[in-house]
C-alpha atoms as a PDB file:
ATOM      1  CA  MET A   1      21.321  53.122   5.058  1.00  0.00           C
ATOM      2  CA  PRO A   2      18.410  51.031   6.433  1.00  0.00           C
ATOM      3  CA  CYS A   3      16.139  52.628   3.813  1.00  0.00           C
ATOM      4  CA  PHE A   4      18.401  51.316   1.049  1.00  0.00           C
ATOM      5  CA  PHE A   5      18.273  47.823   2.558  1.00  0.00           C
ATOM      6  CA  VAL A   6      14.452  47.927   2.653  1.00  0.00           C
ATOM      7  CA  LEU A   7      14.369  49.140  -0.945  1.00  0.00           C
ATOM      8  CA  GLY A   8      16.757  46.370  -1.911  1.00  0.00           C
ATOM      9  CA  ALA A   9      14.648  43.833  -0.048  1.00  0.00           C
ATOM     10  CA  LEU A  10      11.652  44.820  -2.117  1.00  0.00           C
ATOM     11  CA  ILE A  11      13.584  44.768  -5.361  1.00  0.00           C
ATOM     12  CA  ILE A  12      15.788  41.750  -4.752  1.00  0.00           C
ATOM     13  CA  PRO A  13      14.338  39.720  -1.848  1.00  0.00           C
ATOM     14  CA  ARG A  14      16.417  36.617  -2.513  1.00  0.00           C
ATOM     15  CA  PHE A  15      19.640  38.604  -2.286  1.00  0.00           C
ATOM     16  CA  SER A  16      18.439  39.981   1.048  1.00  0.00           C
ATOM     17  CA  ILE A  17      17.659  36.487   2.331  1.00  0.00           C
ATOM     18  CA  VAL A  18      21.118  35.201   1.356  1.00  0.00           C
ATOM     19  CA  TYR A  19      22.767  38.228   2.955  1.00  0.00           C
ATOM     20  CA  LEU A  20      20.796  37.833   6.193  1.00  0.00           C
ATOM     21  CA  TRP A  21      21.430  34.081   6.248  1.00  0.00           C
ATOM     22  CA  PHE A  22      25.221  34.311   5.939  1.00  0.00           C
ATOM     23  CA  MET A  23      25.962  37.610   7.676  1.00  0.00           C
ATOM     24  CA  THR A  24      23.529  37.574  10.635  1.00  0.00           C
ATOM     25  CA  ASN A  25      21.588  35.173  12.833  1.00  0.00           C
ATOM     26  CA  TRP A  26      18.264  36.685  11.724  1.00  0.00           C
ATOM     27  CA  PHE A  27      16.555  33.392  10.825  1.00  0.00           C
ATOM     28  CA  VAL A  28      17.785  31.402  13.834  1.00  0.00           C
ATOM     29  CA  GLY A  29      14.940  32.313  16.176  1.00  0.00           C
ATOM     30  CA  ALA A  30      12.281  32.667  13.497  1.00  0.00           C
ATOM     31  CA  PHE A  31      12.103  29.067  12.291  1.00  0.00           C
ATOM     32  CA  ASP A  32      12.396  25.707  14.010  1.00  0.00           C
ATOM     33  CA  SER A  33      13.449  23.749  10.930  1.00  0.00           C
ATOM     34  CA  LEU A  34      15.471  24.487   7.837  1.00  0.00           C
ATOM     35  CA  LEU A  35      12.617  23.474   5.520  1.00  0.00           C
ATOM     36  CA  TRP A  36      10.547  26.681   5.732  1.00  0.00           C
ATOM     37  CA  PRO A  37      13.339  29.142   4.931  1.00  0.00           C
ATOM     38  CA  ILE A  38      14.373  27.039   1.926  1.00  0.00           C
ATOM     39  CA  LEU A  39      10.805  26.811   0.610  1.00  0.00           C
ATOM     40  CA  GLY A  40      10.318  30.512   1.274  1.00  0.00           C
ATOM     41  CA  PHE A  41      13.499  31.344  -0.608  1.00  0.00           C
ATOM     42  CA  PHE A  42      12.251  29.625  -3.753  1.00  0.00           C
ATOM     43  CA  PHE A  43       8.489  30.229  -3.646  1.00  0.00           C
ATOM     44  CA  ALA A  44       7.701  33.240  -1.405  1.00  0.00           C
ATOM     45  CA  PRO A  45      10.772  35.354  -0.596  1.00  0.00           C
ATOM     46  CA  THR A  46       8.927  38.561   0.304  1.00  0.00           C
ATOM     47  CA  THR A  47       6.568  36.673   2.602  1.00  0.00           C
ATOM     48  CA  LEU A  48       9.538  34.924   4.224  1.00  0.00           C
ATOM     49  CA  LEU A  49      11.216  38.255   4.908  1.00  0.00           C
ATOM     50  CA  TRP A  50       8.051  39.785   6.386  1.00  0.00           C
ATOM     51  CA  TYR A  51       7.361  36.733   8.558  1.00  0.00           C
ATOM     52  CA  SER A  52      10.880  36.899   9.953  1.00  0.00           C
ATOM     53  CA  VAL A  53      10.463  40.648  10.607  1.00  0.00           C
ATOM     54  CA  VAL A  54       7.274  39.983  12.591  1.00  0.00           C
ATOM     55  CA  VAL A  55       8.978  37.246  14.612  1.00  0.00           C
ATOM     56  CA  GLN A  56      12.161  39.236  15.277  1.00  0.00           C
ATOM     57  CA  ILE A  57      10.892  42.799  15.724  1.00  0.00           C
ATOM     58  CA  TYR A  58       7.267  42.407  16.830  1.00  0.00           C
ATOM     59  CA  ASP A  59       7.970  39.263  18.922  1.00  0.00           C
ATOM     60  CA  GLY A  60       5.516  37.242  16.836  1.00  0.00           C
ATOM     61  CA  ALA A  61       2.518  39.458  17.664  1.00  0.00           C
ATOM     62  CA  TRP A  62       0.144  39.521  14.679  1.00  0.00           C
ATOM     63  CA  GLY A  63      -1.900  42.709  14.677  1.00  0.00           C
ATOM     64  CA  THR A  64      -3.830  44.428  11.911  1.00  0.00           C
ATOM     65  CA  PHE A  65      -0.761  46.135  10.459  1.00  0.00           C
ATOM     66  CA  GLN A  66       1.244  42.917  10.353  1.00  0.00           C
ATOM     67  CA  ILE A  67      -1.582  41.025   8.635  1.00  0.00           C
ATOM     68  CA  VAL A  68      -2.109  43.771   6.034  1.00  0.00           C
ATOM     69  CA  VAL A  69       1.589  43.802   5.167  1.00  0.00           C
ATOM     70  CA  LEU A  70       1.571  39.984   5.062  1.00  0.00           C
ATOM     71  CA  ILE A  71      -1.249  40.081   2.514  1.00  0.00           C
ATOM     72  CA  LEU A  72       0.702  42.626   0.455  1.00  0.00           C
ATOM     73  CA  ALA A  73       3.789  40.396   0.644  1.00  0.00           C
ATOM     74  CA  ILE A  74       1.791  37.373  -0.534  1.00  0.00           C
ATOM     75  CA  LEU A  75       0.332  39.392  -3.399  1.00  0.00           C
ATOM     76  CA  THR A  76       3.832  40.534  -4.323  1.00  0.00           C
ATOM     77  CA  ASP A  77       5.044  36.942  -4.367  1.00  0.00           C
ATOM     78  CA  ILE A  78       2.211  35.608  -6.509  1.00  0.00           C
ATOM     79  CA  SER A  79       2.118  38.509  -8.963  1.00  0.00           C
ATOM     80  CA  PRO A  80       3.740  37.864 -12.315  1.00  0.00           C
ATOM     81  CA  SER A  81       7.293  39.113 -12.436  1.00  0.00           C
ATOM     82  CA  THR A  82       7.288  39.886 -16.123  1.00  0.00           C
ATOM     83  CA  SER A  83       4.788  41.906 -18.024  1.00  0.00           C
ATOM     84  CA  LYS A  84       2.799  40.112 -20.672  1.00  0.00           C
ATOM     85  CA  LYS A  85       3.501  41.240 -24.133  1.00  0.00           C
ATOM     86  CA  ARG A  86       0.580  41.904 -26.382  1.00  0.00           C
ATOM     87  CA  ARG A  87       0.303  39.467 -29.196  1.00  0.00           C
ATOM     88  CA  ARG A  88       0.327  41.037 -32.572  1.00  0.00           C
ATOM     89  CA  ARG A  89      -2.405  39.761 -34.768  1.00  0.00           C
ATOM     90  CA  ILE A  90      -1.483  39.180 -38.324  1.00  0.00           C
ATOM     91  CA  ASP A  91      -4.545  39.949 -40.403  1.00  0.00           C
END
């Protein structure tokens, strides 16, 4: 079951954030204000989820593994979500 949640978090991170927000107290200890989770929800949901995992599970300790996954999360958030269609040239 946890593997399905992780897969869902990668596919639909905003759904995972909403679920964690309403069903658990996952974000309570991770953030001091409400501003960062809201901004993360709209602009960087995968990064928000990984940051909260580091704070909750790894007690905020940033090692090499955590930084590498953070970089992957940032790249996931800034990558285009739709593939670009090739333009057909009319000759």
